[in-house]
Amino acid sequence: MVKSTDIGGKQVLTGDNGMTLYIFDKDTAGVTNCYDSCAEKWPPLMADETTQAEGDFTIIERTDGTKMWAYKDMPLYYWVNDKAPGDVTGDGVGGVWHLAVE
């Protein structure tokens, strides 16, 4: 699922693959607003039917019926331009994308 990784002195949330996760300022609690071309650049951290939410991690439903992970109700995304674990090139993009931190 999600783990916390020390990147530059911050506890940044990463996926099982070690890739950095981000939050989007245009989302609201429990609601994703990143679809189509946005989701192509910022793929959601998808949840499958067998996963269970726990603690600060919840599962929210997208308008297409798929499910994705959220942290403290904020949807979580990857950034396609991050190429290796520890990359944080999406932080600050457009002034609306930020590292998902604990």
Protein backbone atom coordinates (compact mmCIF):
# COMPACT_ATOMS: atom_id res chain seq x y z
CA MET A 1 0.00 0.00 0.00
CA VAL A 2 1.69 3.21 1.19
CA LYS A 3 4.78 3.74 3.29
CA SER A 4 6.64 6.70 4.69
CA THR A 5 10.11 7.42 3.32
CA ASP A 6 12.64 10.02 4.46
CA ILE A 7 13.30 12.25 1.44
CA GLY A 8 15.29 15.39 2.09
CA GLY A 9 14.45 15.31 5.80
CA LYS A 10 10.68 15.01 5.23
CA GLN A 11 8.55 11.92 5.82
CA VAL A 12 7.10 11.59 2.32
CA LEU A 13 4.43 9.05 1.42
CA THR A 14 5.47 6.59 -1.27
CA GLY A 15 3.78 3.70 -3.02
CA ASP A 16 4.86 0.07 -2.70
CA ASN A 17 7.13 0.75 -5.68
CA GLY A 18 8.97 3.46 -3.70
CA MET A 19 7.69 6.24 -5.95
CA THR A 20 6.69 9.56 -4.40
CA LEU A 21 3.01 10.37 -3.85
CA TYR A 22 1.42 13.79 -4.24
CA ILE A 23 -1.75 15.68 -3.31
CA PHE A 24 -3.66 18.14 -5.51
CA ASP A 25 -4.94 21.51 -4.19
CA LYS A 26 -8.01 21.32 -6.45
CA ASP A 27 -9.25 18.17 -4.73
CA THR A 28 -11.54 18.33 -1.73
CA ALA A 29 -11.77 15.89 1.17
CA GLY A 30 -12.78 12.52 -0.22
CA VAL A 31 -13.21 13.81 -3.78
CA THR A 32 -10.76 13.66 -6.69
CA ASN A 33 -10.92 16.30 -9.39
CA CYS A 34 -8.12 14.85 -11.51
CA TYR A 35 -9.46 13.03 -14.58
CA ASP A 36 -8.62 12.63 -18.28
CA SER A 37 -5.42 14.50 -19.23
CA CYS A 38 -4.77 15.33 -15.58
CA ALA A 39 -4.90 11.64 -14.59
CA GLU A 40 -2.61 10.75 -17.50
CA LYS A 41 0.09 12.99 -15.99
CA TRP A 42 -0.88 12.30 -12.38
CA PRO A 43 -1.99 8.65 -12.16
CA PRO A 44 -4.07 7.96 -9.07
CA LEU A 45 -2.86 5.45 -6.49
CA MET A 46 -5.48 2.84 -7.27
CA ALA A 47 -7.01 0.49 -4.70
CA ASP A 48 -8.25 -2.96 -5.58
CA GLU A 49 -11.31 -4.74 -4.21
CA THR A 50 -9.32 -6.70 -1.62
CA THR A 51 -7.69 -3.73 0.12
CA GLN A 52 -9.04 -2.37 3.38
CA ALA A 53 -8.70 1.20 4.64
CA GLU A 54 -6.99 1.73 7.97
CA GLY A 55 -6.03 4.68 10.14
CA ASP A 56 -5.52 7.89 8.17
CA PHE A 57 -5.72 5.97 4.87
CA THR A 58 -9.12 5.76 3.20
CA ILE A 59 -10.43 4.52 -0.12
CA ILE A 60 -12.51 6.87 -2.25
CA GLU A 61 -14.54 6.17 -5.37
CA ARG A 62 -13.85 7.94 -8.65
CA THR A 63 -16.67 8.96 -11.00
CA ASP A 64 -15.84 5.97 -13.24
CA GLY A 65 -16.43 3.59 -10.33
CA THR A 66 -12.77 2.75 -9.74
CA LYS A 67 -11.30 3.22 -6.30
CA MET A 68 -8.20 5.09 -5.18
CA TRP A 69 -6.31 5.72 -1.96
CA ALA A 70 -6.48 8.91 0.06
CA TYR A 71 -4.48 10.09 3.07
CA LYS A 72 -6.39 12.14 5.63
CA ASP A 73 -9.17 12.22 2.98
CA MET A 74 -6.91 13.76 0.30
CA PRO A 75 -6.52 11.64 -2.86
CA LEU A 76 -3.01 10.37 -3.64
CA TYR A 77 -1.27 10.46 -7.02
CA TYR A 78 1.99 9.60 -8.74
CA TRP A 79 3.72 12.00 -11.19
CA VAL A 80 4.74 10.55 -14.55
CA ASN A 81 7.95 12.59 -14.68
CA ASP A 82 9.33 10.98 -11.52
CA LYS A 83 11.57 8.25 -12.91
CA ALA A 84 13.11 6.66 -9.81
CA PRO A 85 12.25 6.19 -6.14
CA GLY A 86 13.07 9.37 -4.24
CA ASP A 87 12.38 11.68 -7.20
CA VAL A 88 10.21 14.65 -6.17
CA THR A 89 9.97 16.53 -9.48
CA GLY A 90 6.20 16.98 -9.11
CA ASP A 91 6.41 19.08 -5.96
CA GLY A 92 5.09 22.57 -6.73
CA VAL A 93 4.00 21.85 -10.33
CA GLY A 94 1.50 24.52 -11.36
CA GLY A 95 1.50 25.75 -7.78
CA VAL A 96 -1.17 23.12 -6.99
CA TRP A 97 0.72 19.82 -6.60
CA HIS A 98 2.56 19.00 -3.38
CA LEU A 99 4.38 16.15 -1.72
CA ALA A 100 2.12 13.95 0.37
CA VAL A 101 3.80 14.12 3.77
CA GLU A 102 2.97 12.65 7.14
